[in-house]
């Protein structure tokens, strides 16, 4: 909604800035203010650079479409993260855990794909696929970086510093394109952006807390289940009817997550 009102660049800039401000206040209020160190800067910059460019590629891929093809491709980023975590961070999974993770990812792919729309796009140019693949790779790398960085640094410091770098990157783009900041002047828009920014930054904190407390591969698998939330909201709030295969995908996704929980 915010990006439709004021554009992706301004929405991202406002979301990052206001989200950081709110989360910083909450961190201070709960007495968890971090200790900042120079060693945190390279990790934070890498996370900001990879995350911001991947997000830009995601928006571009959705704009090019078709979404029915791009969405399941991008949703598979968590699988790349899990593979990277196992290969580069040395996590070891049992056969049962591997099977549960595989079932979860199958559910993600099916739940995020409208087969009816996919059939209509068969044989047509899929312009967004290449850009979507780049976004997928970027988010997969970001997941591995986040896991490694969280294990080596204070997670609250990483969140705050990486957000500052991300704000700088987006602000530089806004200045380069000469985008007017005037649309940010309305209270309703600022409130919406603040809410989205707080949820986004808070989600990153929760993701890092999960990585810090257990297997990063499990946490990244769980994060890949995000299509479940908009699917449920679309049914309950917007009264939308999903494609039959999407209902099946949601059930498979839930079954995979339950199986993964029993394996942990």
Protein backbone atom coordinates (compact mmCIF):
# COMPACT_ATOMS: atom_id res chain seq x y z
CA UNK A 1 0.00 0.00 0.00
CA UNK A 2 2.76 2.44 0.95
CA UNK A 3 4.79 1.75 -2.19
CA UNK A 4 1.68 2.34 -4.33
CA UNK A 5 1.08 5.68 -2.64
CA UNK A 6 4.58 7.16 -2.76
CA UNK A 7 6.76 4.80 -4.79
CA UNK A 8 9.14 2.02 -3.84
CA UNK A 9 12.19 4.21 -3.17
CA UNK A 10 10.47 6.61 -0.78
CA UNK A 11 8.57 3.80 0.92
CA UNK A 12 11.81 1.89 1.47
CA UNK A 13 13.62 4.97 2.78
CA UNK A 14 10.81 5.82 5.19
CA UNK A 15 10.37 2.21 6.27
CA UNK A 16 14.05 1.76 7.05
CA UNK A 17 14.39 5.08 8.86
CA UNK A 18 11.24 4.94 10.98
CA UNK A 19 11.61 1.22 11.63
CA UNK A 20 15.14 1.73 12.92
CA UNK A 21 14.02 4.60 15.15
CA UNK A 22 11.18 2.61 16.73
CA UNK A 23 13.25 -0.54 17.26
CA UNK A 24 16.15 1.49 18.71
CA UNK A 25 13.77 3.00 21.27
CA UNK A 26 12.45 -0.46 22.16
CA UNK A 27 15.95 -1.90 22.50
CA UNK A 28 16.91 0.93 24.82
CA UNK A 29 13.68 0.60 26.82
CA UNK A 30 14.34 -3.09 27.46
CA UNK A 31 17.93 -2.40 28.50
CA UNK A 32 19.50 -4.26 25.58
CA UNK A 33 21.49 -1.40 24.07
CA UNK A 34 24.41 -3.07 22.26
CA UNK A 35 28.12 -2.46 22.41
CA UNK A 36 29.32 -1.22 19.02
CA UNK A 37 32.66 -2.43 17.66
CA UNK A 38 34.60 -1.78 14.47
CA UNK A 39 34.51 -5.47 13.59
CA UNK A 40 30.74 -5.20 13.11
CA UNK A 41 31.04 -2.74 10.23
CA UNK A 42 32.05 -5.18 7.42
CA UNK A 43 29.29 -7.62 8.36
CA UNK A 44 26.71 -4.84 8.57
CA UNK A 45 27.70 -3.29 5.26
CA UNK A 46 27.61 -6.67 3.49
CA UNK A 47 24.15 -7.40 4.89
CA UNK A 48 22.87 -3.95 3.87
CA UNK A 49 24.34 -4.12 0.37
CA UNK A 50 23.16 -7.65 -0.44
CA UNK A 51 19.78 -7.17 1.23
CA UNK A 52 19.02 -3.82 -0.43
CA UNK A 53 20.07 -4.88 -3.93
CA UNK A 54 18.15 -8.15 -3.61
CA UNK A 55 15.03 -6.27 -2.53
CA UNK A 56 15.39 -3.92 -5.50
CA UNK A 57 15.72 -6.95 -7.81
CA UNK A 58 12.61 -8.47 -6.22
CA UNK A 59 10.51 -5.35 -6.88
CA UNK A 60 11.81 -5.22 -10.44
CA UNK A 61 11.06 -8.90 -11.03
CA UNK A 62 7.49 -8.47 -9.79
CA UNK A 63 7.09 -5.42 -12.02
CA UNK A 64 8.28 -7.37 -15.07
CA UNK A 65 6.32 -10.50 -14.14
CA UNK A 66 4.62 -12.77 -14.56
CA UNK A 67 4.14 -12.99 -10.78
CA UNK A 68 2.82 -16.57 -11.08
CA UNK A 69 6.28 -17.60 -12.27
CA UNK A 70 8.44 -15.11 -10.35
CA UNK A 71 6.86 -15.68 -6.92
CA UNK A 72 7.74 -19.37 -6.45
CA UNK A 73 11.23 -18.75 -7.81
CA UNK A 74 11.94 -16.02 -5.25
CA UNK A 75 10.25 -18.03 -2.47
CA UNK A 76 12.93 -20.70 -2.94
CA UNK A 77 15.65 -18.41 -1.55
CA UNK A 78 15.45 -20.12 1.86
CA UNK A 79 16.48 -23.42 0.26
CA UNK A 80 19.65 -21.76 -1.04
CA UNK A 81 20.31 -20.34 2.42
CA UNK A 82 19.94 -23.76 4.03
CA UNK A 83 22.33 -25.31 1.50
CA UNK A 84 24.83 -22.50 2.11
CA UNK A 85 24.54 -22.88 5.88
CA UNK A 86 25.21 -26.60 5.66
CA UNK A 87 28.12 -26.19 3.23
CA UNK A 88 29.83 -23.09 4.62
CA UNK A 89 28.83 -23.00 8.31
CA UNK A 90 29.13 -26.72 8.93
CA UNK A 91 25.65 -27.52 10.23
CA UNK A 92 24.75 -31.17 9.96
CA UNK A 93 21.22 -32.42 9.37
CA UNK A 94 19.74 -35.86 9.92
CA UNK A 95 17.88 -37.60 7.07
CA UNK A 96 14.60 -36.88 8.84
CA UNK A 97 15.41 -33.18 9.10
CA UNK A 98 16.38 -33.05 5.43
CA UNK A 99 13.09 -34.71 4.48
CA UNK A 100 11.08 -32.28 6.62
CA UNK A 101 12.88 -29.29 5.13
CA UNK A 102 12.29 -30.63 1.61
CA UNK A 103 8.56 -31.07 2.30
CA UNK A 104 8.38 -27.51 3.65
CA UNK A 105 10.00 -26.07 0.54
CA UNK A 106 7.65 -28.05 -1.72
CA UNK A 107 4.76 -26.55 0.23
CA UNK A 108 6.22 -23.05 -0.15
CA UNK A 109 6.56 -23.45 -3.92
CA UNK A 110 3.03 -24.83 -4.35
CA UNK A 111 1.43 -22.31 -1.97
CA UNK A 112 3.02 -19.35 -3.75
CA UNK A 113 2.04 -20.49 -7.26
CA UNK A 114 -1.34 -19.98 -8.88
CA UNK A 115 -1.36 -22.81 -11.42
CA UNK A 116 -4.27 -21.23 -13.28
CA UNK A 117 -2.23 -18.09 -13.90
CA UNK A 118 0.86 -20.14 -14.65
CA UNK A 119 -0.96 -21.98 -17.43
CA UNK A 120 -1.99 -18.68 -18.99
CA UNK A 121 1.64 -17.56 -19.10
CA UNK A 122 3.08 -20.73 -20.62
CA UNK A 123 4.78 -20.02 -23.91
CA UNK A 124 4.96 -16.29 -23.23
CA UNK A 125 8.16 -14.36 -22.53
CA UNK A 126 9.01 -14.56 -18.83
CA UNK A 127 10.85 -11.27 -18.51
CA UNK A 128 10.96 -11.24 -14.72
CA UNK A 129 12.48 -14.70 -14.33
CA UNK A 130 16.11 -13.65 -14.79
CA UNK A 131 15.78 -10.74 -12.39
CA UNK A 132 13.81 -12.94 -10.01
CA UNK A 133 16.60 -15.52 -10.11
CA UNK A 134 19.10 -12.80 -9.18
CA UNK A 135 16.88 -11.77 -6.25
CA UNK A 136 16.64 -15.40 -5.16
CA UNK A 137 20.41 -15.84 -5.19
CA UNK A 138 20.85 -12.54 -3.38
CA UNK A 139 18.42 -13.43 -0.60
CA UNK A 140 20.00 -16.88 -0.32
CA UNK A 141 23.44 -15.32 0.15
CA UNK A 142 21.94 -12.82 2.59
CA UNK A 143 20.59 -15.67 4.72
CA UNK A 144 24.03 -17.29 4.96
CA UNK A 145 25.68 -13.94 5.74
CA UNK A 146 23.07 -13.20 8.40
CA UNK A 147 23.64 -16.58 10.04
CA UNK A 148 27.41 -16.19 10.08
CA UNK A 149 27.26 -12.57 11.24
CA UNK A 150 24.80 -13.32 14.06
CA UNK A 151 27.09 -16.00 15.44
CA UNK A 152 30.07 -13.65 15.46
CA UNK A 153 28.51 -10.37 16.64
CA UNK A 154 25.95 -8.72 18.89
CA UNK A 155 22.72 -9.11 16.94
CA UNK A 156 21.24 -5.80 18.09
CA UNK A 157 24.33 -3.94 16.91
CA UNK A 158 24.15 -5.73 13.56
CA UNK A 159 20.51 -4.79 13.09
CA UNK A 160 21.10 -1.13 13.87
CA UNK A 161 24.32 -0.66 11.89
CA UNK A 162 23.09 -2.59 8.86
CA UNK A 163 19.93 -0.47 8.82
CA UNK A 164 22.02 2.70 8.89
CA UNK A 165 24.01 1.46 5.89
CA UNK A 166 20.78 0.48 4.10
CA UNK A 167 19.31 3.93 4.75
CA UNK A 168 22.45 5.50 3.29
CA UNK A 169 22.24 3.33 0.15
CA UNK A 170 18.56 4.08 -0.45
CA UNK A 171 19.03 7.80 0.34
CA UNK A 172 21.87 7.97 -2.21
CA UNK A 173 19.56 6.43 -4.82
CA UNK A 174 16.77 8.89 -3.97
CA UNK A 175 19.15 11.84 -4.30
CA UNK A 176 20.61 10.48 -7.54
CA UNK A 177 17.15 10.11 -9.08
CA UNK A 178 16.01 13.46 -7.71
CA UNK A 179 12.95 11.96 -6.01
CA UNK A 180 10.89 14.50 -4.08
CA UNK A 181 10.39 13.84 -0.36
CA UNK A 182 7.08 15.72 -0.33
CA UNK A 183 4.87 12.58 -0.43
CA UNK A 184 6.27 11.62 2.98
CA UNK A 185 4.64 14.68 4.53
CA UNK A 186 1.22 13.17 5.25
CA UNK A 187 0.55 11.72 8.70
CA UNK A 188 -1.37 8.70 7.40
CA UNK A 189 1.45 7.70 5.08
CA UNK A 190 4.07 8.13 7.80
CA UNK A 191 2.03 6.02 10.21
CA UNK A 192 1.69 3.23 7.66
CA UNK A 193 5.38 3.33 6.81
CA UNK A 194 6.34 3.37 10.50
CA UNK A 195 4.20 0.28 11.12
CA UNK A 196 5.69 -1.61 8.17
CA UNK A 197 9.21 -0.53 9.10
CA UNK A 198 8.78 -1.63 12.71
CA UNK A 199 7.40 -5.02 11.66
CA UNK A 200 10.19 -5.49 9.10
CA UNK A 201 13.01 -4.54 11.47
CA UNK A 202 11.41 -6.51 14.30
CA UNK A 203 11.19 -9.56 12.04
CA UNK A 204 14.92 -9.30 11.39
CA UNK A 205 15.57 -9.17 15.13
CA UNK A 206 13.41 -12.26 15.71
CA UNK A 207 15.11 -14.07 12.84
CA UNK A 208 18.52 -13.37 14.34
CA UNK A 209 17.36 -14.40 17.82
CA UNK A 210 16.25 -17.68 16.31
CA UNK A 211 19.61 -18.18 14.61
CA UNK A 212 21.41 -17.33 17.83
CA UNK A 213 19.42 -19.86 19.86
CA UNK A 214 19.40 -22.84 17.51
CA UNK A 215 20.08 -24.30 14.10
CA UNK A 216 20.23 -21.58 11.46
CA UNK A 217 19.03 -24.05 8.82
CA UNK A 218 15.82 -24.62 10.79
CA UNK A 219 15.25 -20.91 11.25
CA UNK A 220 15.78 -20.11 7.56
CA UNK A 221 13.40 -22.92 6.61
CA UNK A 222 10.77 -21.39 8.88
CA UNK A 223 11.36 -17.94 7.39
CA UNK A 224 10.71 -19.35 3.94
CA UNK A 225 7.17 -20.16 5.02
CA UNK A 226 6.10 -16.52 4.72
CA UNK A 227 3.65 -17.25 1.82
CA UNK A 228 1.44 -18.86 4.44
CA UNK A 229 0.71 -15.50 6.10
CA UNK A 230 -0.49 -13.52 3.05
CA UNK A 231 -2.42 -16.57 1.88
CA UNK A 232 -4.33 -16.81 5.17
CA UNK A 233 -4.88 -13.04 5.30
CA UNK A 234 -6.13 -13.04 1.71
CA UNK A 235 -8.73 -15.65 2.67
CA UNK A 236 -9.82 -14.18 6.02
CA UNK A 237 -9.52 -10.43 5.42
CA UNK A 238 -9.84 -9.87 1.68
CA UNK A 239 -12.21 -12.82 1.10
CA UNK A 240 -10.07 -13.98 -1.79
CA UNK A 241 -10.25 -17.48 -3.16
CA UNK A 242 -6.90 -19.09 -3.75
CA UNK A 243 -6.24 -21.59 -6.50
CA UNK A 244 -6.95 -25.20 -5.37
CA UNK A 245 -3.27 -26.08 -5.56
CA UNK A 246 -2.46 -23.22 -3.17
CA UNK A 247 -4.66 -24.70 -0.46
CA UNK A 248 -2.80 -27.98 -0.93
CA UNK A 249 0.51 -26.11 -0.75
CA UNK A 250 -0.47 -24.47 2.54
CA UNK A 251 -1.31 -27.87 4.04
CA UNK A 252 1.96 -29.38 2.80
CA UNK A 253 3.88 -26.39 4.16
CA UNK A 254 2.28 -26.75 7.60
CA UNK A 255 2.97 -30.50 7.59
CA UNK A 256 6.62 -29.84 6.76
CA UNK A 257 6.98 -27.30 9.58
CA UNK A 258 5.35 -29.66 12.07
CA UNK A 259 7.63 -32.50 10.96
CA UNK A 260 10.64 -30.20 11.27
CA UNK A 261 9.58 -29.22 14.78
CA UNK A 262 9.29 -32.89 15.78
CA UNK A 263 12.79 -33.50 14.39
CA UNK A 264 14.40 -30.68 16.41
